[in-house]
């Protein structure tokens, strides 16, 4: 019998704004930029198409995009 994929379930779970920020920053390597509520609000404003579920975020859908956006923002 196949066990449930807990990592996948964690990645696909819909999160609030602050829960996403906490999960995003958790175990993030030091060289990666951290997310803040202000930066996530700015990201959401710039990427409205990613938010079909109102204010809900998921690591699966948003983490990589936020990471790339924060990295490019830091380079500016």
PDB file of N, CA and C in Angstrom:
ATOM      1  N   UNK A   1       0.834  -1.179   0.000  1.00  0.00           N
ATOM      2  CA  UNK A   1       0.000   0.000   0.000  1.00  0.00           C
ATOM      3  C   UNK A   1       0.883   1.249   0.000  1.00  0.00           C
ATOM      4  N   UNK A   2       0.552   2.184  -0.859  1.00  0.00           N
ATOM      5  CA  UNK A   2       1.334   3.408  -0.992  1.00  0.00           C
ATOM      6  C   UNK A   2       0.954   4.402   0.105  1.00  0.00           C
ATOM      7  N   UNK A   3       1.971   4.939   0.759  1.00  0.00           N
ATOM      8  CA  UNK A   3       1.748   5.923   1.817  1.00  0.00           C
ATOM      9  C   UNK A   3       1.421   7.281   1.209  1.00  0.00           C
ATOM     10  N   UNK A   4       0.678   8.113   1.922  1.00  0.00           N
ATOM     11  CA  UNK A   4       0.370   9.454   1.404  1.00  0.00           C
ATOM     12  C   UNK A   4       1.642  10.290   1.266  1.00  0.00           C
ATOM     13  N   UNK A   5       1.692  11.108   0.253  1.00  0.00           N
ATOM     14  CA  UNK A   5       2.835  11.990   0.009  1.00  0.00           C
ATOM     15  C   UNK A   5       2.637  13.265   0.831  1.00  0.00           C
ATOM     16  N   UNK A   6       3.219  13.302   2.011  1.00  0.00           N
ATOM     17  CA  UNK A   6       3.027  14.428   2.932  1.00  0.00           C
ATOM     18  C   UNK A   6       3.636  15.720   2.406  1.00  0.00           C
ATOM     19  N   UNK A   7       4.770  15.612   1.713  1.00  0.00           N
ATOM     20  CA  UNK A   7       5.414  16.800   1.158  1.00  0.00           C
ATOM     21  C   UNK A   7       4.520  17.430   0.090  1.00  0.00           C
ATOM     22  N   UNK A   8       3.938  16.610  -0.749  1.00  0.00           N
ATOM     23  CA  UNK A   8       3.041  17.114  -1.790  1.00  0.00           C
ATOM     24  C   UNK A   8       1.814  17.768  -1.165  1.00  0.00           C
ATOM     25  N   UNK A   9       1.241  17.117  -0.167  1.00  0.00           N
ATOM     26  CA  UNK A   9       0.069  17.678   0.512  1.00  0.00           C
ATOM     27  C   UNK A   9       0.416  19.033   1.132  1.00  0.00           C
ATOM     28  N   UNK A  10       1.595  19.152   1.724  1.00  0.00           N
ATOM     29  CA  UNK A  10       2.048  20.418   2.320  1.00  0.00           C
ATOM     30  C   UNK A  10       2.209  21.489   1.249  1.00  0.00           C
ATOM     31  N   UNK A  11       2.757  21.108   0.094  1.00  0.00           N
ATOM     32  CA  UNK A  11       2.977  22.061  -0.991  1.00  0.00           C
ATOM     33  C   UNK A  11       1.681  22.557  -1.609  1.00  0.00           C
ATOM     34  N   UNK A  12       0.689  21.709  -1.679  1.00  0.00           N
ATOM     35  CA  UNK A  12      -0.566  22.070  -2.338  1.00  0.00           C
ATOM     36  C   UNK A  12      -1.584  22.704  -1.393  1.00  0.00           C
ATOM     37  N   UNK A  13      -1.317  22.684  -0.113  1.00  0.00           N
ATOM     38  CA  UNK A  13      -2.246  23.239   0.872  1.00  0.00           C
ATOM     39  C   UNK A  13      -2.405  24.737   0.650  1.00  0.00           C
ATOM     40  N   UNK A  14      -3.649  25.211   0.671  1.00  0.00           N
ATOM     41  CA  UNK A  14      -3.912  26.636   0.518  1.00  0.00           C
ATOM     42  C   UNK A  14      -3.640  27.335   1.841  1.00  0.00           C
ATOM     43  N   UNK A  15      -2.901  28.435   1.760  1.00  0.00           N
ATOM     44  CA  UNK A  15      -2.421  29.141   2.947  1.00  0.00           C
ATOM     45  C   UNK A  15      -2.865  30.599   2.940  1.00  0.00           C
ATOM     46  N   UNK A  16      -2.982  31.148   4.124  1.00  0.00           N
ATOM     47  CA  UNK A  16      -3.227  32.581   4.247  1.00  0.00           C
ATOM     48  C   UNK A  16      -1.931  33.320   3.907  1.00  0.00           C
ATOM     49  N   UNK A  17      -2.055  34.616   3.792  1.00  0.00           N
ATOM     50  CA  UNK A  17      -0.926  35.496   3.505  1.00  0.00           C
ATOM     51  C   UNK A  17       0.233  35.256   4.475  1.00  0.00           C
ATOM     52  N   UNK A  18      -0.048  35.352   5.770  1.00  0.00           N
ATOM     53  CA  UNK A  18       1.019  35.226   6.768  1.00  0.00           C
ATOM     54  C   UNK A  18       1.534  33.790   6.883  1.00  0.00           C
ATOM     55  N   UNK A  19       0.662  32.796   6.714  1.00  0.00           N
ATOM     56  CA  UNK A  19       1.113  31.400   6.745  1.00  0.00           C
ATOM     57  C   UNK A  19       2.031  31.093   5.567  1.00  0.00           C
ATOM     58  N   UNK A  20       1.707  31.664   4.389  1.00  0.00           N
ATOM     59  CA  UNK A  20       2.579  31.479   3.232  1.00  0.00           C
ATOM     60  C   UNK A  20       3.947  32.095   3.503  1.00  0.00           C
ATOM     61  N   UNK A  21       3.970  33.300   4.046  1.00  0.00           N
ATOM     62  CA  UNK A  21       5.245  33.965   4.319  1.00  0.00           C
ATOM     63  C   UNK A  21       6.091  33.126   5.282  1.00  0.00           C
ATOM     64  N   UNK A  22       5.472  32.632   6.318  1.00  0.00           N
ATOM     65  CA  UNK A  22       6.191  31.799   7.294  1.00  0.00           C
ATOM     66  C   UNK A  22       6.724  30.531   6.631  1.00  0.00           C
ATOM     67  N   UNK A  23       5.900  29.862   5.838  1.00  0.00           N
ATOM     68  CA  UNK A  23       6.322  28.631   5.153  1.00  0.00           C
ATOM     69  C   UNK A  23       7.397  28.912   4.109  1.00  0.00           C
ATOM     70  N   UNK A  24       7.248  30.023   3.390  1.00  0.00           N
ATOM     71  CA  UNK A  24       8.235  30.392   2.369  1.00  0.00           C
ATOM     72  C   UNK A  24       9.607  30.599   3.008  1.00  0.00           C
ATOM     73  N   UNK A  25       9.646  31.337   4.098  1.00  0.00           N
ATOM     74  CA  UNK A  25      10.918  31.682   4.740  1.00  0.00           C
ATOM     75  C   UNK A  25      11.526  30.524   5.533  1.00  0.00           C
ATOM     76  N   UNK A  26      10.723  29.523   5.847  1.00  0.00           N
ATOM     77  CA  UNK A  26      11.187  28.382   6.645  1.00  0.00           C
ATOM     78  C   UNK A  26      12.232  27.579   5.864  1.00  0.00           C
ATOM     79  N   UNK A  27      13.353  27.341   6.462  1.00  0.00           N
ATOM     80  CA  UNK A  27      14.442  26.544   5.876  1.00  0.00           C
ATOM     81  C   UNK A  27      14.989  27.112   4.570  1.00  0.00           C
ATOM     82  N   UNK A  28      14.809  28.385   4.338  1.00  0.00           N
ATOM     83  CA  UNK A  28      15.328  29.030   3.140  1.00  0.00           C
ATOM     84  C   UNK A  28      16.820  29.286   3.320  1.00  0.00           C
ATOM     85  N   UNK A  29      17.649  28.916   2.356  1.00  0.00           N
ATOM     86  CA  UNK A  29      19.082  29.188   2.484  1.00  0.00           C
ATOM     87  C   UNK A  29      19.347  30.682   2.706  1.00  0.00           C
ATOM     88  N   UNK A  30      20.394  30.995   3.424  1.00  0.00           N
ATOM     89  CA  UNK A  30      20.697  32.382   3.786  1.00  0.00           C
ATOM     90  C   UNK A  30      20.881  33.305   2.585  1.00  0.00           C
ATOM     91  N   UNK A  31      21.375  32.769   1.478  1.00  0.00           N
ATOM     92  CA  UNK A  31      21.637  33.621   0.319  1.00  0.00           C
ATOM     93  C   UNK A  31      20.371  34.030  -0.436  1.00  0.00           C
ATOM     94  N   UNK A  32      19.234  33.421  -0.125  1.00  0.00           N
ATOM     95  CA  UNK A  32      17.980  33.766  -0.790  1.00  0.00           C
ATOM     96  C   UNK A  32      17.286  34.890  -0.039  1.00  0.00           C
ATOM     97  N   UNK A  33      16.651  35.811  -0.787  1.00  0.00           N
ATOM     98  CA  UNK A  33      15.948  36.911  -0.120  1.00  0.00           C
ATOM     99  C   UNK A  33      14.708  36.411   0.623  1.00  0.00           C
ATOM    100  N   UNK A  34      14.470  36.999   1.768  1.00  0.00           N
ATOM    101  CA  UNK A  34      13.313  36.649   2.599  1.00  0.00           C
ATOM    102  C   UNK A  34      12.082  37.416   2.121  1.00  0.00           C
ATOM    103  N   UNK A  35      10.933  36.824   2.330  1.00  0.00           N
ATOM    104  CA  UNK A  35       9.674  37.486   2.011  1.00  0.00           C
ATOM    105  C   UNK A  35       9.171  38.230   3.242  1.00  0.00           C
ATOM    106  N   UNK A  36       8.549  39.355   3.011  1.00  0.00           N
ATOM    107  CA  UNK A  36       7.888  40.108   4.073  1.00  0.00           C
ATOM    108  C   UNK A  36       6.447  40.329   3.618  1.00  0.00           C
ATOM    109  N   UNK A  37       5.588  40.726   4.546  1.00  0.00           N
ATOM    110  CA  UNK A  37       4.197  40.976   4.156  1.00  0.00           C
ATOM    111  C   UNK A  37       4.108  42.091   3.111  1.00  0.00           C
ATOM    112  N   UNK A  38       4.920  43.132   3.256  1.00  0.00           N
ATOM    113  CA  UNK A  38       4.903  44.237   2.291  1.00  0.00           C
ATOM    114  C   UNK A  38       5.332  43.756   0.904  1.00  0.00           C
ATOM    115  N   UNK A  39       6.389  42.949   0.843  1.00  0.00           N
ATOM    116  CA  UNK A  39       6.850  42.438  -0.452  1.00  0.00           C
ATOM    117  C   UNK A  39       5.835  41.481  -1.072  1.00  0.00           C
ATOM    118  N   UNK A  40       5.190  40.674  -0.258  1.00  0.00           N
ATOM    119  CA  UNK A  40       4.178  39.761  -0.797  1.00  0.00           C
ATOM    120  C   UNK A  40       2.956  40.527  -1.306  1.00  0.00           C
ATOM    121  N   UNK A  41       2.596  41.598  -0.651  1.00  0.00           N
ATOM    122  CA  UNK A  41       1.494  42.440  -1.146  1.00  0.00           C
ATOM    123  C   UNK A  41       1.856  43.024  -2.511  1.00  0.00           C
ATOM    124  N   UNK A  42       3.095  43.488  -2.641  1.00  0.00           N
ATOM    125  CA  UNK A  42       3.571  44.038  -3.910  1.00  0.00           C
ATOM    126  C   UNK A  42       3.577  42.964  -4.993  1.00  0.00           C
ATOM    127  N   UNK A  43       4.038  41.757  -4.650  1.00  0.00           N
ATOM    128  CA  UNK A  43       4.038  40.642  -5.598  1.00  0.00           C
ATOM    129  C   UNK A  43       2.617  40.337  -6.059  1.00  0.00           C
ATOM    130  N   UNK A  44       1.690  40.275  -5.124  1.00  0.00           N
ATOM    131  CA  UNK A  44       0.301  39.958  -5.464  1.00  0.00           C
ATOM    132  C   UNK A  44      -0.291  41.005  -6.399  1.00  0.00           C
ATOM    133  N   UNK A  45       0.018  42.265  -6.145  1.00  0.00           N
ATOM    134  CA  UNK A  45      -0.454  43.354  -7.008  1.00  0.00           C
ATOM    135  C   UNK A  45       0.093  43.213  -8.429  1.00  0.00           C
ATOM    136  N   UNK A  46       1.359  42.812  -8.537  1.00  0.00           N
ATOM    137  CA  UNK A  46       2.015  42.683  -9.838  1.00  0.00           C
ATOM    138  C   UNK A  46       1.616  41.407 -10.582  1.00  0.00           C
ATOM    139  N   UNK A  47       1.080  40.417  -9.870  1.00  0.00           N
ATOM    140  CA  UNK A  47       0.758  39.116 -10.467  1.00  0.00           C
ATOM    141  C   UNK A  47      -0.666  38.681 -10.128  1.00  0.00           C
ATOM    142  N   UNK A  48      -1.620  39.532 -10.423  1.00  0.00           N
ATOM    143  CA  UNK A  48      -3.015  39.253 -10.051  1.00  0.00           C
ATOM    144  C   UNK A  48      -3.551  37.973 -10.689  1.00  0.00           C
ATOM    145  N   UNK A  49      -3.064  37.592 -11.840  1.00  0.00           N
ATOM    146  CA  UNK A  49      -3.553  36.383 -12.515  1.00  0.00           C
ATOM    147  C   UNK A  49      -3.261  35.110 -11.723  1.00  0.00           C
ATOM    148  N   UNK A  50      -2.286  35.149 -10.819  1.00  0.00           N
ATOM    149  CA  UNK A  50      -1.941  33.971 -10.018  1.00  0.00           C
ATOM    150  C   UNK A  50      -2.878  33.756  -8.837  1.00  0.00           C
ATOM    151  N   UNK A  51      -3.820  34.667  -8.635  1.00  0.00           N
ATOM    152  CA  UNK A  51      -4.654  34.621  -7.434  1.00  0.00           C
ATOM    153  C   UNK A  51      -6.129  34.472  -7.777  1.00  0.00           C
ATOM    154  N   UNK A  52      -6.461  33.340  -8.354  1.00  0.00           N
ATOM    155  CA  UNK A  52      -7.844  33.036  -8.675  1.00  0.00           C
ATOM    156  C   UNK A  52      -8.632  32.687  -7.409  1.00  0.00           C
ATOM    157  N   UNK A  53      -7.944  32.226  -6.361  1.00  0.00           N
ATOM    158  CA  UNK A  53      -8.579  31.866  -5.093  1.00  0.00           C
ATOM    159  C   UNK A  53      -8.483  33.002  -4.085  1.00  0.00           C
ATOM    160  N   UNK A  54      -8.726  34.230  -4.527  1.00  0.00           N
ATOM    161  CA  UNK A  54      -8.757  35.400  -3.661  1.00  0.00           C
ATOM    162  C   UNK A  54      -7.413  35.620  -2.965  1.00  0.00           C
ATOM    163  N   UNK A  55      -7.368  35.448  -1.651  1.00  0.00           N
ATOM    164  CA  UNK A  55      -6.146  35.733  -0.891  1.00  0.00           C
ATOM    165  C   UNK A  55      -5.405  34.471  -0.502  1.00  0.00           C
ATOM    166  N   UNK A  56      -5.639  33.372  -1.178  1.00  0.00           N
ATOM    167  CA  UNK A  56      -5.006  32.116  -0.800  1.00  0.00           C
ATOM    168  C   UNK A  56      -3.753  31.870  -1.629  1.00  0.00           C
ATOM    169  N   UNK A  57      -2.745  31.362  -0.960  1.00  0.00           N
ATOM    170  CA  UNK A  57      -1.451  31.083  -1.559  1.00  0.00           C
ATOM    171  C   UNK A  57      -1.146  29.605  -1.376  1.00  0.00           C
ATOM    172  N   UNK A  58      -0.264  29.054  -2.214  1.00  0.00           N
ATOM    173  CA  UNK A  58       0.244  27.697  -1.991  1.00  0.00           C
ATOM    174  C   UNK A  58       1.724  27.683  -2.353  1.00  0.00           C
ATOM    175  N   UNK A  59       2.472  26.869  -1.653  1.00  0.00           N
ATOM    176  CA  UNK A  59       3.898  26.751  -1.959  1.00  0.00           C
ATOM    177  C   UNK A  59       4.081  26.211  -3.373  1.00  0.00           C
ATOM    178  N   UNK A  60       3.232  25.281  -3.763  1.00  0.00           N
ATOM    179  CA  UNK A  60       3.309  24.656  -5.079  1.00  0.00           C
ATOM    180  C   UNK A  60       3.175  25.687  -6.207  1.00  0.00           C
ATOM    181  N   UNK A  61       2.205  26.559  -6.093  1.00  0.00           N
ATOM    182  CA  UNK A  61       1.928  27.515  -7.163  1.00  0.00           C
ATOM    183  C   UNK A  61       2.750  28.799  -7.068  1.00  0.00           C
ATOM    184  N   UNK A  62       3.040  29.269  -5.875  1.00  0.00           N
ATOM    185  CA  UNK A  62       3.607  30.601  -5.723  1.00  0.00           C
ATOM    186  C   UNK A  62       5.074  30.673  -5.295  1.00  0.00           C
ATOM    187  N   UNK A  63       5.598  29.667  -4.621  1.00  0.00           N
ATOM    188  CA  UNK A  63       6.931  29.800  -4.018  1.00  0.00           C
ATOM    189  C   UNK A  63       8.026  30.120  -5.040  1.00  0.00           C
ATOM    190  N   UNK A  64       8.121  29.357  -6.096  1.00  0.00           N
ATOM    191  CA  UNK A  64       9.178  29.570  -7.106  1.00  0.00           C
ATOM    192  C   UNK A  64       9.030  30.943  -7.756  1.00  0.00           C
ATOM    193  N   UNK A  65       7.797  31.339  -8.038  1.00  0.00           N
ATOM    194  CA  UNK A  65       7.563  32.643  -8.672  1.00  0.00           C
ATOM    195  C   UNK A  65       7.955  33.789  -7.735  1.00  0.00           C
ATOM    196  N   UNK A  66       7.619  33.652  -6.457  1.00  0.00           N
ATOM    197  CA  UNK A  66       8.007  34.676  -5.470  1.00  0.00           C
ATOM    198  C   UNK A  66       9.527  34.718  -5.354  1.00  0.00           C
ATOM    199  N   UNK A  67      10.148  33.556  -5.303  1.00  0.00           N
ATOM    200  CA  UNK A  67      11.605  33.483  -5.177  1.00  0.00           C
ATOM    201  C   UNK A  67      12.290  34.181  -6.361  1.00  0.00           C
ATOM    202  N   UNK A  68      11.843  33.898  -7.565  1.00  0.00           N
ATOM    203  CA  UNK A  68      12.418  34.538  -8.759  1.00  0.00           C
ATOM    204  C   UNK A  68      12.177  36.048  -8.738  1.00  0.00           C
ATOM    205  N   UNK A  69      10.972  36.447  -8.364  1.00  0.00           N
ATOM    206  CA  UNK A  69      10.617  37.862  -8.331  1.00  0.00           C
ATOM    207  C   UNK A  69      11.458  38.603  -7.290  1.00  0.00           C
ATOM    208  N   UNK A  70      11.612  38.032  -6.100  1.00  0.00           N
ATOM    209  CA  UNK A  70      12.415  38.668  -5.058  1.00  0.00           C
ATOM    210  C   UNK A  70      13.879  38.769  -5.478  1.00  0.00           C
ATOM    211  N   UNK A  71      14.384  37.745  -6.122  1.00  0.00           N
ATOM    212  CA  UNK A  71      15.776  37.761  -6.590  1.00  0.00           C
ATOM    213  C   UNK A  71      15.976  38.854  -7.633  1.00  0.00           C
ATOM    214  N   UNK A  72      15.050  38.962  -8.589  1.00  0.00           N
ATOM    215  CA  UNK A  72      15.180  39.996  -9.620  1.00  0.00           C
ATOM    216  C   UNK A  72      15.008  41.392  -9.018  1.00  0.00           C
ATOM    217  N   UNK A  73      14.150  41.512  -8.033  1.00  0.00           N
ATOM    218  CA  UNK A  73      13.926  42.790  -7.360  1.00  0.00           C
ATOM    219  C   UNK A  73      15.180  43.234  -6.596  1.00  0.00           C
ATOM    220  N   UNK A  74      15.845  42.276  -5.980  1.00  0.00           N
ATOM    221  CA  UNK A  74      17.072  42.573  -5.240  1.00  0.00           C
ATOM    222  C   UNK A  74      18.183  43.025  -6.190  1.00  0.00           C
ATOM    223  N   UNK A  75      18.179  42.503  -7.418  1.00  0.00           N
ATOM    224  CA  UNK A  75      19.215  42.848  -8.395  1.00  0.00           C
ATOM    225  C   UNK A  75      19.031  44.255  -8.967  1.00  0.00           C
ATOM    226  N   UNK A  76      17.840  44.804  -8.830  1.00  0.00           N
ATOM    227  CA  UNK A  76      17.561  46.147  -9.387  1.00  0.00           C
ATOM    228  C   UNK A  76      18.334  47.232  -8.700  1.00  0.00           C
TER     229      UNK A  76
END
